[in-house]
Amino acid sequence: MHLKFSPTDGYDGVFDYNPGQYLTLRIPETEQAPRHYCLLREPNASNSFEVAVRREEGGVYSNYIHDKLQVCACVRALSLIHISEPTR
């Protein structure tokens, strides 16, 4: 399932991010720790971005997203983070 995120706080600028960055999501209806999802597309000077969520058996977030998350629902996007390649 692909999710497209757009700001709801009036922000009309663009998001600047790099390949390999992740979006941290928090779903208030769960008691689970936040989850990280990889951004799907390269930055394209827009004010939205997308992630994909694969259903995982027993996965609290993935099953919530697939079964209960409604179109236009608000979720908390905590931050964009970058995971660099491991150093050896």
PDB file of N, CA and C in Angstrom:
ATOM      1  N   MET A   1       0.846  -1.162   0.000  1.00  0.00           N
ATOM      2  CA  MET A   1       0.000   0.000   0.000  1.00  0.00           C
ATOM      3  C   MET A   1       0.902   1.238   0.000  1.00  0.00           C
ATOM      4  N   HIS A   2       0.599   2.176  -0.860  1.00  0.00           N
ATOM      5  CA  HIS A   2       1.336   3.437  -0.907  1.00  0.00           C
ATOM      6  C   HIS A   2       0.556   4.497  -0.150  1.00  0.00           C
ATOM      7  N   LEU A   3       1.260   5.263   0.661  1.00  0.00           N
ATOM      8  CA  LEU A   3       0.654   6.369   1.387  1.00  0.00           C
ATOM      9  C   LEU A   3       1.289   7.665   0.921  1.00  0.00           C
ATOM     10  N   LYS A   4       0.467   8.649   0.623  1.00  0.00           N
ATOM     11  CA  LYS A   4       0.957   9.966   0.221  1.00  0.00           C
ATOM     12  C   LYS A   4       0.668  10.939   1.354  1.00  0.00           C
ATOM     13  N   PHE A   5       1.692  11.668   1.749  1.00  0.00           N
ATOM     14  CA  PHE A   5       1.571  12.614   2.847  1.00  0.00           C
ATOM     15  C   PHE A   5       1.681  14.038   2.342  1.00  0.00           C
ATOM     16  N   SER A   6       0.806  14.879   2.858  1.00  0.00           N
ATOM     17  CA  SER A   6       0.827  16.306   2.574  1.00  0.00           C
ATOM     18  C   SER A   6       0.631  17.039   3.896  1.00  0.00           C
ATOM     19  N   PRO A   7       1.215  18.225   4.050  1.00  0.00           N
ATOM     20  CA  PRO A   7       1.069  18.947   5.312  1.00  0.00           C
ATOM     21  C   PRO A   7      -0.363  19.428   5.531  1.00  0.00           C
ATOM     22  N   THR A   8      -0.761  19.470   6.794  1.00  0.00           N
ATOM     23  CA  THR A   8      -2.088  19.972   7.162  1.00  0.00           C
ATOM     24  C   THR A   8      -1.997  21.230   8.010  1.00  0.00           C
ATOM     25  N   ASP A   9      -0.773  21.718   8.215  1.00  0.00           N
ATOM     26  CA  ASP A   9      -0.575  22.870   9.095  1.00  0.00           C
ATOM     27  C   ASP A   9      -0.421  24.182   8.336  1.00  0.00           C
ATOM     28  N   GLY A  10      -0.745  24.178   7.042  1.00  0.00           N
ATOM     29  CA  GLY A  10      -0.631  25.392   6.254  1.00  0.00           C
ATOM     30  C   GLY A  10       0.703  25.569   5.559  1.00  0.00           C
ATOM     31  N   TYR A  11       1.646  24.661   5.795  1.00  0.00           N
ATOM     32  CA  TYR A  11       2.947  24.741   5.141  1.00  0.00           C
ATOM     33  C   TYR A  11       2.756  24.562   3.642  1.00  0.00           C
ATOM     34  N   ASP A  12       3.286  25.504   2.841  1.00  0.00           N
ATOM     35  CA  ASP A  12       3.136  25.383   1.392  1.00  0.00           C
ATOM     36  C   ASP A  12       4.480  25.376   0.673  1.00  0.00           C
ATOM     37  N   GLY A  13       5.554  25.169   1.425  1.00  0.00           N
ATOM     38  CA  GLY A  13       6.877  25.053   0.824  1.00  0.00           C
ATOM     39  C   GLY A  13       7.101  23.649   0.290  1.00  0.00           C
ATOM     40  N   VAL A  14       8.306  23.398  -0.162  1.00  0.00           N
ATOM     41  CA  VAL A  14       8.642  22.063  -0.669  1.00  0.00           C
ATOM     42  C   VAL A  14       9.481  21.319   0.363  1.00  0.00           C
ATOM     43  N   PHE A  15       9.471  19.997   0.268  1.00  0.00           N
ATOM     44  CA  PHE A  15      10.300  19.166   1.129  1.00  0.00           C
ATOM     45  C   PHE A  15      11.586  18.840   0.387  1.00  0.00           C
ATOM     46  N   ASP A  16      12.687  19.046   1.052  1.00  0.00           N
ATOM     47  CA  ASP A  16      13.988  18.757   0.470  1.00  0.00           C
ATOM     48  C   ASP A  16      14.560  17.563   1.218  1.00  0.00           C
ATOM     49  N   TYR A  17      14.702  16.453   0.538  1.00  0.00           N
ATOM     50  CA  TYR A  17      15.252  15.253   1.173  1.00  0.00           C
ATOM     51  C   TYR A  17      16.131  14.521   0.183  1.00  0.00           C
ATOM     52  N   ASN A  18      16.881  13.575   0.697  1.00  0.00           N
ATOM     53  CA  ASN A  18      17.847  12.834  -0.109  1.00  0.00           C
ATOM     54  C   ASN A  18      17.421  11.376  -0.237  1.00  0.00           C
ATOM     55  N   PRO A  19      17.844  10.709  -1.318  1.00  0.00           N
ATOM     56  CA  PRO A  19      17.580   9.278  -1.432  1.00  0.00           C
ATOM     57  C   PRO A  19      18.116   8.556  -0.197  1.00  0.00           C
ATOM     58  N   GLY A  20      17.362   7.599   0.297  1.00  0.00           N
ATOM     59  CA  GLY A  20      17.776   6.841   1.473  1.00  0.00           C
ATOM     60  C   GLY A  20      17.201   7.376   2.762  1.00  0.00           C
ATOM     61  N   GLN A  21      16.503   8.504   2.717  1.00  0.00           N
ATOM     62  CA  GLN A  21      15.916   9.026   3.944  1.00  0.00           C
ATOM     63  C   GLN A  21      14.637   8.290   4.292  1.00  0.00           C
ATOM     64  N   TYR A  22      14.325   8.292   5.567  1.00  0.00           N
ATOM     65  CA  TYR A  22      13.154   7.619   6.102  1.00  0.00           C
ATOM     66  C   TYR A  22      12.241   8.629   6.764  1.00  0.00           C
ATOM     67  N   LEU A  23      10.956   8.312   6.778  1.00  0.00           N
ATOM     68  CA  LEU A  23       9.960   9.098   7.486  1.00  0.00           C
ATOM     69  C   LEU A  23       9.593   8.337   8.746  1.00  0.00           C
ATOM     70  N   THR A  24       9.593   9.014   9.866  1.00  0.00           N
ATOM     71  CA  THR A  24       9.207   8.401  11.134  1.00  0.00           C
ATOM     72  C   THR A  24       7.740   8.716  11.396  1.00  0.00           C
ATOM     73  N   LEU A  25       6.931   7.665  11.548  1.00  0.00           N
ATOM     74  CA  LEU A  25       5.502   7.841  11.788  1.00  0.00           C
ATOM     75  C   LEU A  25       5.123   7.397  13.180  1.00  0.00           C
ATOM     76  N   ARG A  26       4.188   8.118  13.763  1.00  0.00           N
ATOM     77  CA  ARG A  26       3.615   7.757  15.060  1.00  0.00           C
ATOM     78  C   ARG A  26       2.110   7.730  14.886  1.00  0.00           C
ATOM     79  N   ILE A  27       1.494   6.619  15.205  1.00  0.00           N
ATOM     80  CA  ILE A  27       0.045   6.505  15.134  1.00  0.00           C
ATOM     81  C   ILE A  27      -0.480   6.536  16.575  1.00  0.00           C
ATOM     82  N   PRO A  28      -1.140   7.634  16.943  1.00  0.00           N
ATOM     83  CA  PRO A  28      -1.558   7.807  18.336  1.00  0.00           C
ATOM     84  C   PRO A  28      -2.464   6.707  18.871  1.00  0.00           C
ATOM     85  N   GLU A  29      -3.255   6.061  18.012  1.00  0.00           N
ATOM     86  CA  GLU A  29      -4.186   5.035  18.470  1.00  0.00           C
ATOM     87  C   GLU A  29      -3.492   3.762  18.912  1.00  0.00           C
ATOM     88  N   THR A  30      -2.195   3.637  18.672  1.00  0.00           N
ATOM     89  CA  THR A  30      -1.464   2.460  19.113  1.00  0.00           C
ATOM     90  C   THR A  30      -0.535   2.859  20.253  1.00  0.00           C
ATOM     91  N   GLU A  31      -0.167   1.897  21.031  1.00  0.00           N
ATOM     92  CA  GLU A  31       0.778   2.138  22.116  1.00  0.00           C
ATOM     93  C   GLU A  31       2.199   1.778  21.697  1.00  0.00           C
ATOM     94  N   GLN A  32       2.385   1.506  20.420  1.00  0.00           N
ATOM     95  CA  GLN A  32       3.668   1.057  19.908  1.00  0.00           C
ATOM     96  C   GLN A  32       4.628   2.220  19.680  1.00  0.00           C
ATOM     97  N   ALA A  33       5.911   1.898  19.670  1.00  0.00           N
ATOM     98  CA  ALA A  33       6.944   2.882  19.346  1.00  0.00           C
ATOM     99  C   ALA A  33       6.781   3.322  17.897  1.00  0.00           C
ATOM    100  N   PRO A  34       7.254   4.511  17.555  1.00  0.00           N
ATOM    101  CA  PRO A  34       7.179   4.972  16.165  1.00  0.00           C
ATOM    102  C   PRO A  34       7.879   4.004  15.219  1.00  0.00           C
ATOM    103  N   ARG A  35       7.475   4.040  13.952  1.00  0.00           N
ATOM    104  CA  ARG A  35       8.076   3.190  12.929  1.00  0.00           C
ATOM    105  C   ARG A  35       8.684   4.070  11.836  1.00  0.00           C
ATOM    106  N   HIS A  36       9.674   3.527  11.140  1.00  0.00           N
ATOM    107  CA  HIS A  36      10.369   4.254  10.084  1.00  0.00           C
ATOM    108  C   HIS A  36      10.029   3.629   8.730  1.00  0.00           C
ATOM    109  N   TYR A  37       9.728   4.478   7.750  1.00  0.00           N
ATOM    110  CA  TYR A  37       9.385   4.021   6.405  1.00  0.00           C
ATOM    111  C   TYR A  37      10.222   4.786   5.396  1.00  0.00           C
ATOM    112  N   CYS A  38      10.788   4.064   4.434  1.00  0.00           N
ATOM    113  CA  CYS A  38      11.646   4.657   3.416  1.00  0.00           C
ATOM    114  C   CYS A  38      10.817   5.475   2.429  1.00  0.00           C
ATOM    115  N   LEU A  39      11.297   6.674   2.109  1.00  0.00           N
ATOM    116  CA  LEU A  39      10.641   7.510   1.112  1.00  0.00           C
ATOM    117  C   LEU A  39      10.790   6.863  -0.260  1.00  0.00           C
ATOM    118  N   LEU A  40       9.730   6.900  -1.046  1.00  0.00           N
ATOM    119  CA  LEU A  40       9.715   6.177  -2.313  1.00  0.00           C
ATOM    120  C   LEU A  40      10.336   6.916  -3.477  1.00  0.00           C
ATOM    121  N   ARG A  41      10.241   8.192  -3.510  1.00  0.00           N
ATOM    122  CA  ARG A  41      10.664   8.939  -4.690  1.00  0.00           C
ATOM    123  C   ARG A  41      11.736   9.937  -4.369  1.00  0.00           C
ATOM    124  N   GLU A  42      12.451  10.298  -5.406  1.00  0.00           N
ATOM    125  CA  GLU A  42      13.437  11.368  -5.277  1.00  0.00           C
ATOM    126  C   GLU A  42      12.688  12.678  -5.057  1.00  0.00           C
ATOM    127  N   PRO A  43      13.312  13.634  -4.413  1.00  0.00           N
ATOM    128  CA  PRO A  43      12.657  14.934  -4.243  1.00  0.00           C
ATOM    129  C   PRO A  43      12.267  15.501  -5.602  1.00  0.00           C
ATOM    130  N   ASN A  44      11.084  16.067  -5.672  1.00  0.00           N
ATOM    131  CA  ASN A  44      10.625  16.625  -6.936  1.00  0.00           C
ATOM    132  C   ASN A  44      10.001  18.007  -6.754  1.00  0.00           C
ATOM    133  N   ALA A  45      10.513  18.737  -5.802  1.00  0.00           N
ATOM    134  CA  ALA A  45      10.039  20.098  -5.550  1.00  0.00           C
ATOM    135  C   ALA A  45       8.534  20.139  -5.312  1.00  0.00           C
ATOM    136  N   SER A  46       8.035  19.190  -4.542  1.00  0.00           N
ATOM    137  CA  SER A  46       6.616  19.218  -4.190  1.00  0.00           C
ATOM    138  C   SER A  46       6.498  19.277  -2.671  1.00  0.00           C
ATOM    139  N   ASN A  47       5.287  19.492  -2.208  1.00  0.00           N
ATOM    140  CA  ASN A  47       5.095  19.522  -0.765  1.00  0.00           C
ATOM    141  C   ASN A  47       4.396  18.251  -0.286  1.00  0.00           C
ATOM    142  N   SER A  48       4.672  17.137  -0.971  1.00  0.00           N
ATOM    143  CA  SER A  48       4.169  15.843  -0.522  1.00  0.00           C
ATOM    144  C   SER A  48       5.253  14.789  -0.731  1.00  0.00           C
ATOM    145  N   PHE A  49       5.083  13.661  -0.105  1.00  0.00           N
ATOM    146  CA  PHE A  49       6.009  12.544  -0.274  1.00  0.00           C
ATOM    147  C   PHE A  49       5.248  11.257  -0.018  1.00  0.00           C
ATOM    148  N   GLU A  50       5.829  10.128  -0.443  1.00  0.00           N
ATOM    149  CA  GLU A  50       5.151   8.835  -0.349  1.00  0.00           C
ATOM    150  C   GLU A  50       6.031   7.787   0.309  1.00  0.00           C
ATOM    151  N   VAL A  51       5.367   6.850   0.983  1.00  0.00           N
ATOM    152  CA  VAL A  51       6.018   5.655   1.522  1.00  0.00           C
ATOM    153  C   VAL A  51       5.157   4.455   1.140  1.00  0.00           C
ATOM    154  N   ALA A  52       5.734   3.274   1.200  1.00  0.00           N
ATOM    155  CA  ALA A  52       4.987   2.042   0.975  1.00  0.00           C
ATOM    156  C   ALA A  52       4.989   1.244   2.272  1.00  0.00           C
ATOM    157  N   VAL A  53       3.847   0.627   2.558  1.00  0.00           N
ATOM    158  CA  VAL A  53       3.725  -0.186   3.767  1.00  0.00           C
ATOM    159  C   VAL A  53       3.227  -1.566   3.356  1.00  0.00           C
ATOM    160  N   ARG A  54       4.056  -2.568   3.600  1.00  0.00           N
ATOM    161  CA  ARG A  54       3.691  -3.955   3.315  1.00  0.00           C
ATOM    162  C   ARG A  54       3.081  -4.551   4.581  1.00  0.00           C
ATOM    163  N   ARG A  55       1.984  -5.274   4.421  1.00  0.00           N
ATOM    164  CA  ARG A  55       1.340  -5.907   5.575  1.00  0.00           C
ATOM    165  C   ARG A  55       2.259  -6.997   6.122  1.00  0.00           C
ATOM    166  N   GLU A  56       2.480  -6.964   7.410  1.00  0.00           N
ATOM    167  CA  GLU A  56       3.291  -7.968   8.090  1.00  0.00           C
ATOM    168  C   GLU A  56       2.392  -8.720   9.072  1.00  0.00           C
ATOM    169  N   GLU A  57       2.463 -10.024   9.040  1.00  0.00           N
ATOM    170  CA  GLU A  57       1.669 -10.816   9.975  1.00  0.00           C
ATOM    171  C   GLU A  57       2.035 -10.422  11.406  1.00  0.00           C
ATOM    172  N   GLY A  58       1.050 -10.022  12.172  1.00  0.00           N
ATOM    173  CA  GLY A  58       1.278  -9.606  13.549  1.00  0.00           C
ATOM    174  C   GLY A  58       1.822  -8.197  13.686  1.00  0.00           C
ATOM    175  N   GLY A  59       2.011  -7.494  12.585  1.00  0.00           N
ATOM    176  CA  GLY A  59       2.549  -6.136  12.627  1.00  0.00           C
ATOM    177  C   GLY A  59       1.492  -5.132  13.036  1.00  0.00           C
ATOM    178  N   VAL A  60       1.673  -4.502  14.169  1.00  0.00           N
ATOM    179  CA  VAL A  60       0.678  -3.559  14.681  1.00  0.00           C
ATOM    180  C   VAL A  60       0.485  -2.394  13.714  1.00  0.00           C
ATOM    181  N   TYR A  61       1.579  -1.760  13.286  1.00  0.00           N
ATOM    182  CA  TYR A  61       1.464  -0.602  12.399  1.00  0.00           C
ATOM    183  C   TYR A  61       0.972  -1.009  11.018  1.00  0.00           C
ATOM    184  N   SER A  62       1.564  -2.031  10.434  1.00  0.00           N
ATOM    185  CA  SER A  62       1.183  -2.381   9.058  1.00  0.00           C
ATOM    186  C   SER A  62      -0.282  -2.806   8.994  1.00  0.00           C
ATOM    187  N   ASN A  63      -0.752  -3.564   9.968  1.00  0.00           N
ATOM    188  CA  ASN A  63      -2.147  -3.977   9.958  1.00  0.00           C
ATOM    189  C   ASN A  63      -3.083  -2.811  10.249  1.00  0.00           C
ATOM    190  N   TYR A  64      -2.685  -1.914  11.127  1.00  0.00           N
ATOM    191  CA  TYR A  64      -3.493  -0.717  11.383  1.00  0.00           C
ATOM    192  C   TYR A  64      -3.614   0.106  10.103  1.00  0.00           C
ATOM    193  N   ILE A  65      -2.504   0.319   9.424  1.00  0.00           N
ATOM    194  CA  ILE A  65      -2.511   1.118   8.195  1.00  0.00           C
ATOM    195  C   ILE A  65      -3.377   0.456   7.128  1.00  0.00           C
ATOM    196  N   HIS A  66      -3.251  -0.844   6.959  1.00  0.00           N
ATOM    197  CA  HIS A  66      -4.023  -1.543   5.931  1.00  0.00           C
ATOM    198  C   HIS A  66      -5.502  -1.653   6.276  1.00  0.00           C
ATOM    199  N   ASP A  67      -5.835  -1.831   7.554  1.00  0.00           N
ATOM    200  CA  ASP A  67      -7.215  -2.118   7.943  1.00  0.00           C
ATOM    201  C   ASP A  67      -8.007  -0.914   8.445  1.00  0.00           C
ATOM    202  N   LYS A  68      -7.341   0.050   9.061  1.00  0.00           N
ATOM    203  CA  LYS A  68      -8.090   1.096   9.761  1.00  0.00           C
ATOM    204  C   LYS A  68      -7.801   2.523   9.303  1.00  0.00           C
ATOM    205  N   LEU A  69      -6.658   2.771   8.710  1.00  0.00           N
ATOM    206  CA  LEU A  69      -6.308   4.140   8.338  1.00  0.00           C
ATOM    207  C   LEU A  69      -7.208   4.608   7.194  1.00  0.00           C
ATOM    208  N   GLN A  70      -7.868   5.722   7.399  1.00  0.00           N
ATOM    209  CA  GLN A  70      -8.811   6.281   6.434  1.00  0.00           C
ATOM    210  C   GLN A  70      -8.130   7.313   5.542  1.00  0.00           C
ATOM    211  N   VAL A  71      -8.656   7.492   4.348  1.00  0.00           N
ATOM    212  CA  VAL A  71      -8.189   8.563   3.471  1.00  0.00           C
ATOM    213  C   VAL A  71      -8.374   9.888   4.205  1.00  0.00           C
ATOM    214  N   CYS A  72      -7.385  10.730   4.123  1.00  0.00           N
ATOM    215  CA  CYS A  72      -7.351  12.056   4.769  1.00  0.00           C
ATOM    216  C   CYS A  72      -7.172  11.983   6.287  1.00  0.00           C
ATOM    217  N   ALA A  73      -6.819  10.819   6.818  1.00  0.00           N
ATOM    218  CA  ALA A  73      -6.552  10.705   8.251  1.00  0.00           C
ATOM    219  C   ALA A  73      -5.270  11.446   8.588  1.00  0.00           C
ATOM    220  N   CYS A  74      -5.174  11.893   9.814  1.00  0.00           N
ATOM    221  CA  CYS A  74      -3.950  12.552  10.273  1.00  0.00           C
ATOM    222  C   CYS A  74      -3.101  11.546  11.035  1.00  0.00           C
ATOM    223  N   VAL A  75      -1.840  11.476  10.674  1.00  0.00           N
ATOM    224  CA  VAL A  75      -0.855  10.711  11.428  1.00  0.00           C
ATOM    225  C   VAL A  75       0.269  11.669  11.750  1.00  0.00           C
ATOM    226  N   ARG A  76       1.040  11.327  12.732  1.00  0.00           N
ATOM    227  CA  ARG A  76       2.123  12.212  13.144  1.00  0.00           C
ATOM    228  C   ARG A  76       3.414  11.797  12.457  1.00  0.00           C
ATOM    229  N   ALA A  77       3.930  12.680  11.629  1.00  0.00           N
ATOM    230  CA  ALA A  77       5.227  12.461  10.992  1.00  0.00           C
ATOM    231  C   ALA A  77       6.256  13.164  11.859  1.00  0.00           C
ATOM    232  N   LEU A  78       7.093  12.386  12.513  1.00  0.00           N
ATOM    233  CA  LEU A  78       8.010  12.956  13.492  1.00  0.00           C
ATOM    234  C   LEU A  78       9.232  13.589  12.868  1.00  0.00           C
ATOM    235  N   SER A  79       9.794  12.945  11.857  1.00  0.00           N
ATOM    236  CA  SER A  79      11.004  13.511  11.268  1.00  0.00           C
ATOM    237  C   SER A  79      11.398  12.750  10.017  1.00  0.00           C
ATOM    238  N   LEU A  80      12.192  13.402   9.204  1.00  0.00           N
ATOM    239  CA  LEU A  80      12.859  12.724   8.101  1.00  0.00           C
ATOM    240  C   LEU A  80      14.269  12.450   8.583  1.00  0.00           C
ATOM    241  N   ILE A  81      14.709  11.204   8.475  1.00  0.00           N
ATOM    242  CA  ILE A  81      16.056  10.865   8.917  1.00  0.00           C
ATOM    243  C   ILE A  81      16.808  10.207   7.786  1.00  0.00           C
ATOM    244  N   HIS A  82      18.105  10.239   7.864  1.00  0.00           N
ATOM    245  CA  HIS A  82      18.945   9.626   6.842  1.00  0.00           C
ATOM    246  C   HIS A  82      19.805   8.558   7.496  1.00  0.00           C
ATOM    247  N   ILE A  83      19.741   7.370   6.945  1.00  0.00           N
ATOM    248  CA  ILE A  83      20.592   6.275   7.396  1.00  0.00           C
ATOM    249  C   ILE A  83      21.713   6.141   6.387  1.00  0.00           C
ATOM    250  N   SER A  84      22.916   6.431   6.800  1.00  0.00           N
ATOM    251  CA  SER A  84      24.030   6.327   5.867  1.00  0.00           C
ATOM    252  C   SER A  84      24.518   4.886   5.800  1.00  0.00           C
ATOM    253  N   GLU A  85      25.349   4.614   4.828  1.00  0.00           N
ATOM    254  CA  GLU A  85      25.903   3.278   4.695  1.00  0.00           C
ATOM    255  C   GLU A  85      26.756   2.958   5.918  1.00  0.00           C
ATOM    256  N   PRO A  86      26.718   1.692   6.366  1.00  0.00           N
ATOM    257  CA  PRO A  86      27.535   1.338   7.533  1.00  0.00           C
ATOM    258  C   PRO A  86      29.027   1.516   7.246  1.00  0.00           C
ATOM    259  N   THR A  87      29.728   1.944   8.254  1.00  0.00           N
ATOM    260  CA  THR A  87      31.179   2.062   8.123  1.00  0.00           C
ATOM    261  C   THR A  87      31.814   0.778   8.599  1.00  0.00           C
ATOM    262  N   ARG A  88      32.947   0.452   8.017  1.00  0.00           N
ATOM    263  CA  ARG A  88      33.630  -0.796   8.411  1.00  0.00           C
ATOM    264  C   ARG A  88      34.994  -0.492   8.941  1.00  0.00           C
TER     265      ARG A  88
END
